[in-house]
């Protein structure tokens, strides 16, 4: 079973609220989850992020893979170390027009 740590959307229309959950990767975005790790409220300025550090470290030690967004929240919370590369590098290899 592939288990991931990802965001699930809550809240009403035009007022999103996200939970950070541990879920089977084959389940739907807002499907039944295994454990709730924390939440993110992007409407507050700055965005309010609450993460249960002990639960997050426990799940990461069991091999749960966080998504890129959740990984950035975990780095900001100090749960994991920032790796050299969080996402694929962006390239600017545009073809030049020959005159």
N, C-alpha and C. Protein backbone atom coordinates (compact mmCIF):
# COMPACT_ATOMS: atom_id res chain seq x y z
N UNK A 1 0.85 -1.18 0.00
CA UNK A 1 0.00 0.00 0.00
C UNK A 1 0.90 1.24 0.00
N UNK A 2 0.73 2.12 -0.98
CA UNK A 2 1.49 3.37 -1.06
C UNK A 2 0.79 4.43 -0.24
N UNK A 3 1.47 4.92 0.77
CA UNK A 3 0.87 5.91 1.67
C UNK A 3 1.57 7.24 1.47
N UNK A 4 0.77 8.32 1.40
CA UNK A 4 1.30 9.66 1.19
C UNK A 4 0.79 10.61 2.27
N UNK A 5 1.53 11.69 2.45
CA UNK A 5 1.11 12.78 3.32
C UNK A 5 0.74 13.92 2.39
N UNK A 6 -0.53 14.30 2.36
CA UNK A 6 -0.98 15.32 1.42
C UNK A 6 -2.07 16.19 2.02
N UNK A 7 -2.50 17.20 1.26
CA UNK A 7 -3.54 18.12 1.70
C UNK A 7 -4.91 17.62 1.25
N UNK A 8 -5.90 17.81 2.09
CA UNK A 8 -7.28 17.54 1.72
C UNK A 8 -8.07 18.83 1.95
N UNK A 9 -8.91 19.19 0.99
CA UNK A 9 -9.61 20.47 1.05
C UNK A 9 -10.85 20.37 1.89
N UNK A 10 -11.03 21.36 2.73
CA UNK A 10 -12.22 21.48 3.57
C UNK A 10 -12.76 22.90 3.36
N UNK A 11 -13.81 23.23 4.05
CA UNK A 11 -14.33 24.60 3.98
C UNK A 11 -15.37 24.77 2.89
N UNK A 12 -15.96 25.96 2.88
CA UNK A 12 -17.01 26.28 1.93
C UNK A 12 -16.44 26.80 0.62
N UNK A 13 -17.34 27.09 -0.29
CA UNK A 13 -16.96 27.65 -1.58
C UNK A 13 -16.27 29.00 -1.35
N UNK A 14 -15.15 29.20 -1.97
CA UNK A 14 -14.34 30.41 -1.90
C UNK A 14 -13.77 30.70 -0.50
N UNK A 15 -13.80 29.72 0.39
CA UNK A 15 -13.12 29.87 1.68
C UNK A 15 -12.45 28.55 2.03
N UNK A 16 -11.33 28.27 1.34
CA UNK A 16 -10.67 26.98 1.53
C UNK A 16 -9.97 26.87 2.88
N UNK A 17 -9.87 25.64 3.31
CA UNK A 17 -9.20 25.27 4.54
C UNK A 17 -8.66 23.87 4.28
N UNK A 18 -7.39 23.63 4.58
CA UNK A 18 -6.78 22.36 4.22
C UNK A 18 -6.32 21.61 5.46
N UNK A 19 -6.49 20.30 5.44
CA UNK A 19 -5.94 19.43 6.46
C UNK A 19 -4.74 18.71 5.87
N UNK A 20 -3.71 18.52 6.70
CA UNK A 20 -2.57 17.70 6.28
C UNK A 20 -2.85 16.31 6.82
N UNK A 21 -3.01 15.35 5.92
CA UNK A 21 -3.42 14.01 6.31
C UNK A 21 -2.49 12.94 5.74
N UNK A 22 -2.50 11.79 6.37
CA UNK A 22 -1.82 10.60 5.87
C UNK A 22 -2.91 9.74 5.24
N UNK A 23 -2.72 9.39 3.96
CA UNK A 23 -3.79 8.73 3.20
C UNK A 23 -3.18 7.77 2.18
N UNK A 24 -3.93 6.74 1.86
CA UNK A 24 -3.53 5.83 0.78
C UNK A 24 -3.56 6.61 -0.52
N UNK A 25 -2.50 6.53 -1.31
CA UNK A 25 -2.39 7.35 -2.51
C UNK A 25 -3.45 7.05 -3.56
N UNK A 26 -4.09 5.88 -3.46
CA UNK A 26 -5.12 5.52 -4.43
C UNK A 26 -6.48 6.10 -4.07
N UNK A 27 -6.62 6.65 -2.88
CA UNK A 27 -7.91 7.23 -2.46
C UNK A 27 -8.10 8.61 -3.08
N UNK A 28 -9.36 9.08 -3.08
CA UNK A 28 -9.69 10.40 -3.60
C UNK A 28 -9.10 11.48 -2.69
N UNK A 29 -8.99 12.70 -3.22
CA UNK A 29 -8.39 13.81 -2.49
C UNK A 29 -9.06 14.01 -1.13
N UNK A 30 -10.38 13.97 -1.11
CA UNK A 30 -11.11 14.19 0.14
C UNK A 30 -11.67 12.88 0.68
N UNK A 31 -11.01 11.77 0.36
CA UNK A 31 -11.47 10.47 0.81
C UNK A 31 -11.11 10.19 2.26
N UNK A 32 -11.38 8.97 2.67
CA UNK A 32 -11.11 8.56 4.05
C UNK A 32 -9.60 8.49 4.28
N UNK A 33 -9.14 9.16 5.34
CA UNK A 33 -7.71 9.20 5.61
C UNK A 33 -7.35 8.36 6.83
N UNK A 34 -6.07 8.06 6.98
CA UNK A 34 -5.57 7.22 8.07
C UNK A 34 -5.36 8.05 9.33
N UNK A 35 -4.71 9.22 9.19
CA UNK A 35 -4.39 10.05 10.34
C UNK A 35 -4.33 11.51 9.93
N UNK A 36 -4.72 12.40 10.84
CA UNK A 36 -4.65 13.84 10.60
C UNK A 36 -3.40 14.37 11.30
N UNK A 37 -2.55 15.08 10.55
CA UNK A 37 -1.29 15.58 11.07
C UNK A 37 -1.40 17.05 11.47
N UNK A 38 -2.16 17.84 10.73
CA UNK A 38 -2.27 19.27 11.02
C UNK A 38 -3.23 19.94 10.07
N UNK A 39 -3.13 21.28 10.00
CA UNK A 39 -4.01 22.02 9.10
C UNK A 39 -3.31 23.27 8.58
N UNK A 40 -3.86 23.82 7.49
CA UNK A 40 -3.37 25.04 6.87
C UNK A 40 -4.58 25.93 6.60
N UNK A 41 -4.51 27.18 7.07
CA UNK A 41 -5.56 28.16 6.79
C UNK A 41 -4.96 29.27 5.94
N UNK A 42 -5.10 29.19 4.60
CA UNK A 42 -4.45 30.17 3.73
C UNK A 42 -5.11 31.54 3.71
N UNK A 43 -6.30 31.67 4.27
CA UNK A 43 -7.00 32.95 4.23
C UNK A 43 -6.46 33.95 5.25
N UNK A 44 -5.81 33.48 6.29
CA UNK A 44 -5.22 34.38 7.28
C UNK A 44 -3.94 34.96 6.70
N UNK A 45 -3.56 36.14 7.20
CA UNK A 45 -2.36 36.78 6.69
C UNK A 45 -1.37 36.97 7.82
N UNK A 46 -0.25 36.25 7.91
CA UNK A 46 0.20 35.20 7.00
C UNK A 46 -0.59 33.90 7.23
N UNK A 47 -0.46 32.98 6.31
CA UNK A 47 -1.21 31.71 6.38
C UNK A 47 -0.89 30.99 7.69
N UNK A 48 -1.93 30.51 8.35
CA UNK A 48 -1.76 29.79 9.62
C UNK A 48 -1.52 28.32 9.33
N UNK A 49 -0.39 27.80 9.83
CA UNK A 49 -0.03 26.40 9.62
C UNK A 49 0.21 25.77 10.99
N UNK A 50 -0.49 24.69 11.29
CA UNK A 50 -0.33 23.98 12.55
C UNK A 50 -0.03 22.53 12.23
N UNK A 51 1.13 22.04 12.68
CA UNK A 51 1.55 20.66 12.40
C UNK A 51 1.93 19.98 13.70
N UNK A 52 1.40 18.77 13.92
CA UNK A 52 1.80 17.95 15.07
C UNK A 52 3.15 17.31 14.71
N UNK A 53 4.22 17.88 15.23
CA UNK A 53 5.58 17.48 14.85
C UNK A 53 5.86 16.02 15.18
N UNK A 54 5.42 15.55 16.33
CA UNK A 54 5.68 14.16 16.74
C UNK A 54 5.01 13.18 15.79
N UNK A 55 3.75 13.44 15.44
CA UNK A 55 3.04 12.55 14.51
C UNK A 55 3.71 12.56 13.14
N UNK A 56 4.11 13.76 12.68
CA UNK A 56 4.73 13.88 11.36
C UNK A 56 6.05 13.11 11.32
N UNK A 57 6.88 13.25 12.35
CA UNK A 57 8.16 12.53 12.38
C UNK A 57 7.93 11.02 12.44
N UNK A 58 6.91 10.59 13.20
CA UNK A 58 6.60 9.17 13.30
C UNK A 58 6.21 8.60 11.94
N UNK A 59 5.33 9.29 11.21
CA UNK A 59 4.90 8.80 9.90
C UNK A 59 6.03 8.84 8.90
N UNK A 60 6.87 9.88 8.94
CA UNK A 60 8.00 9.95 8.01
C UNK A 60 8.99 8.82 8.26
N UNK A 61 9.15 8.44 9.54
CA UNK A 61 10.05 7.33 9.86
C UNK A 61 9.51 5.99 9.36
N UNK A 62 8.20 5.92 9.16
CA UNK A 62 7.58 4.70 8.64
C UNK A 62 7.61 4.65 7.12
N UNK A 63 8.12 5.71 6.49
CA UNK A 63 8.27 5.69 5.04
C UNK A 63 7.20 6.42 4.26
N UNK A 64 6.38 7.23 4.91
CA UNK A 64 5.35 7.98 4.21
C UNK A 64 6.01 9.08 3.39
N UNK A 65 5.58 9.23 2.13
CA UNK A 65 6.14 10.24 1.23
C UNK A 65 5.24 11.48 1.20
N UNK A 66 5.75 12.65 1.59
CA UNK A 66 4.94 13.87 1.51
C UNK A 66 4.93 14.43 0.09
N UNK A 67 3.86 15.12 -0.27
CA UNK A 67 3.82 15.81 -1.56
C UNK A 67 4.72 17.03 -1.47
N UNK A 68 4.96 17.69 -2.60
CA UNK A 68 5.86 18.85 -2.62
C UNK A 68 5.35 19.97 -1.71
N UNK A 69 4.04 20.23 -1.74
CA UNK A 69 3.47 21.30 -0.91
C UNK A 69 3.61 20.96 0.57
N UNK A 70 3.28 19.76 0.94
CA UNK A 70 3.39 19.34 2.34
C UNK A 70 4.85 19.33 2.77
N UNK A 71 5.74 18.93 1.87
CA UNK A 71 7.16 18.92 2.19
C UNK A 71 7.65 20.33 2.53
N UNK A 72 7.18 21.34 1.78
CA UNK A 72 7.59 22.71 2.07
C UNK A 72 7.05 23.17 3.42
N UNK A 73 5.84 22.77 3.78
CA UNK A 73 5.30 23.11 5.11
C UNK A 73 6.10 22.41 6.21
N UNK A 74 6.51 21.17 5.98
CA UNK A 74 7.31 20.44 6.97
C UNK A 74 8.69 21.06 7.14
N UNK A 75 9.28 21.54 6.05
CA UNK A 75 10.58 22.21 6.14
C UNK A 75 10.45 23.50 6.95
N UNK A 76 9.39 24.28 6.70
CA UNK A 76 9.18 25.53 7.43
C UNK A 76 8.92 25.28 8.91
N UNK A 77 8.30 24.15 9.24
CA UNK A 77 8.01 23.81 10.64
C UNK A 77 9.22 23.19 11.33
N UNK A 78 10.25 22.85 10.55
CA UNK A 78 11.46 22.27 11.13
C UNK A 78 11.37 20.78 11.37
N UNK A 79 10.41 20.12 10.75
CA UNK A 79 10.25 18.67 10.91
C UNK A 79 11.32 17.93 10.11
N UNK A 80 11.58 18.39 8.90
CA UNK A 80 12.61 17.77 8.06
C UNK A 80 13.58 18.84 7.59
N UNK A 81 14.77 18.38 7.19
CA UNK A 81 15.79 19.29 6.67
C UNK A 81 15.47 19.65 5.22
N UNK A 82 15.81 20.87 4.85
CA UNK A 82 15.60 21.29 3.47
C UNK A 82 16.62 20.58 2.59
N UNK A 83 16.14 19.87 1.59
CA UNK A 83 17.05 19.19 0.67
C UNK A 83 17.55 20.19 -0.36
N UNK A 84 18.57 19.81 -1.06
CA UNK A 84 19.14 20.70 -2.07
C UNK A 84 18.14 20.99 -3.18
N UNK A 85 17.26 20.02 -3.44
CA UNK A 85 16.31 20.17 -4.54
C UNK A 85 14.94 19.72 -4.06
N UNK A 86 13.99 20.67 -3.92
CA UNK A 86 12.63 20.32 -3.53
C UNK A 86 11.80 19.92 -4.74
N UNK A 87 12.06 20.55 -5.87
CA UNK A 87 11.29 20.22 -7.07
C UNK A 87 12.22 20.24 -8.27
N UNK A 88 11.69 19.86 -9.40
CA UNK A 88 12.49 19.82 -10.62
C UNK A 88 12.97 21.22 -10.98
N UNK A 89 14.18 21.33 -11.46
CA UNK A 89 14.69 22.66 -11.82
C UNK A 89 13.99 23.21 -13.05
N UNK A 90 13.81 24.51 -13.06
CA UNK A 90 13.18 25.16 -14.20
C UNK A 90 14.28 25.55 -15.18
N UNK A 91 14.02 25.32 -16.45
CA UNK A 91 15.04 25.64 -17.45
C UNK A 91 14.52 26.75 -18.36
N UNK A 92 15.43 27.53 -18.88
CA UNK A 92 15.10 28.59 -19.81
C UNK A 92 15.76 28.33 -21.16
N UNK A 93 15.60 27.16 -21.68
CA UNK A 93 16.20 26.80 -22.96
C UNK A 93 15.24 27.11 -24.09
N UNK A 94 15.14 28.38 -24.39
CA UNK A 94 14.29 28.80 -25.50
C UNK A 94 15.13 28.81 -26.77
N UNK A 95 14.52 28.36 -27.83
CA UNK A 95 15.24 28.31 -29.10
C UNK A 95 15.42 29.73 -29.63
N UNK A 96 16.63 30.03 -30.03
CA UNK A 96 16.90 31.35 -30.59
C UNK A 96 16.63 31.32 -32.08
N UNK A 97 16.09 32.41 -32.56
CA UNK A 97 15.75 32.53 -33.96
C UNK A 97 17.02 32.89 -34.73
N UNK A 98 17.28 32.11 -35.77
CA UNK A 98 18.47 32.40 -36.58
C UNK A 98 18.13 33.43 -37.65
N UNK A 99 19.01 34.41 -37.80
CA UNK A 99 18.79 35.46 -38.80
C UNK A 99 19.49 35.17 -40.08
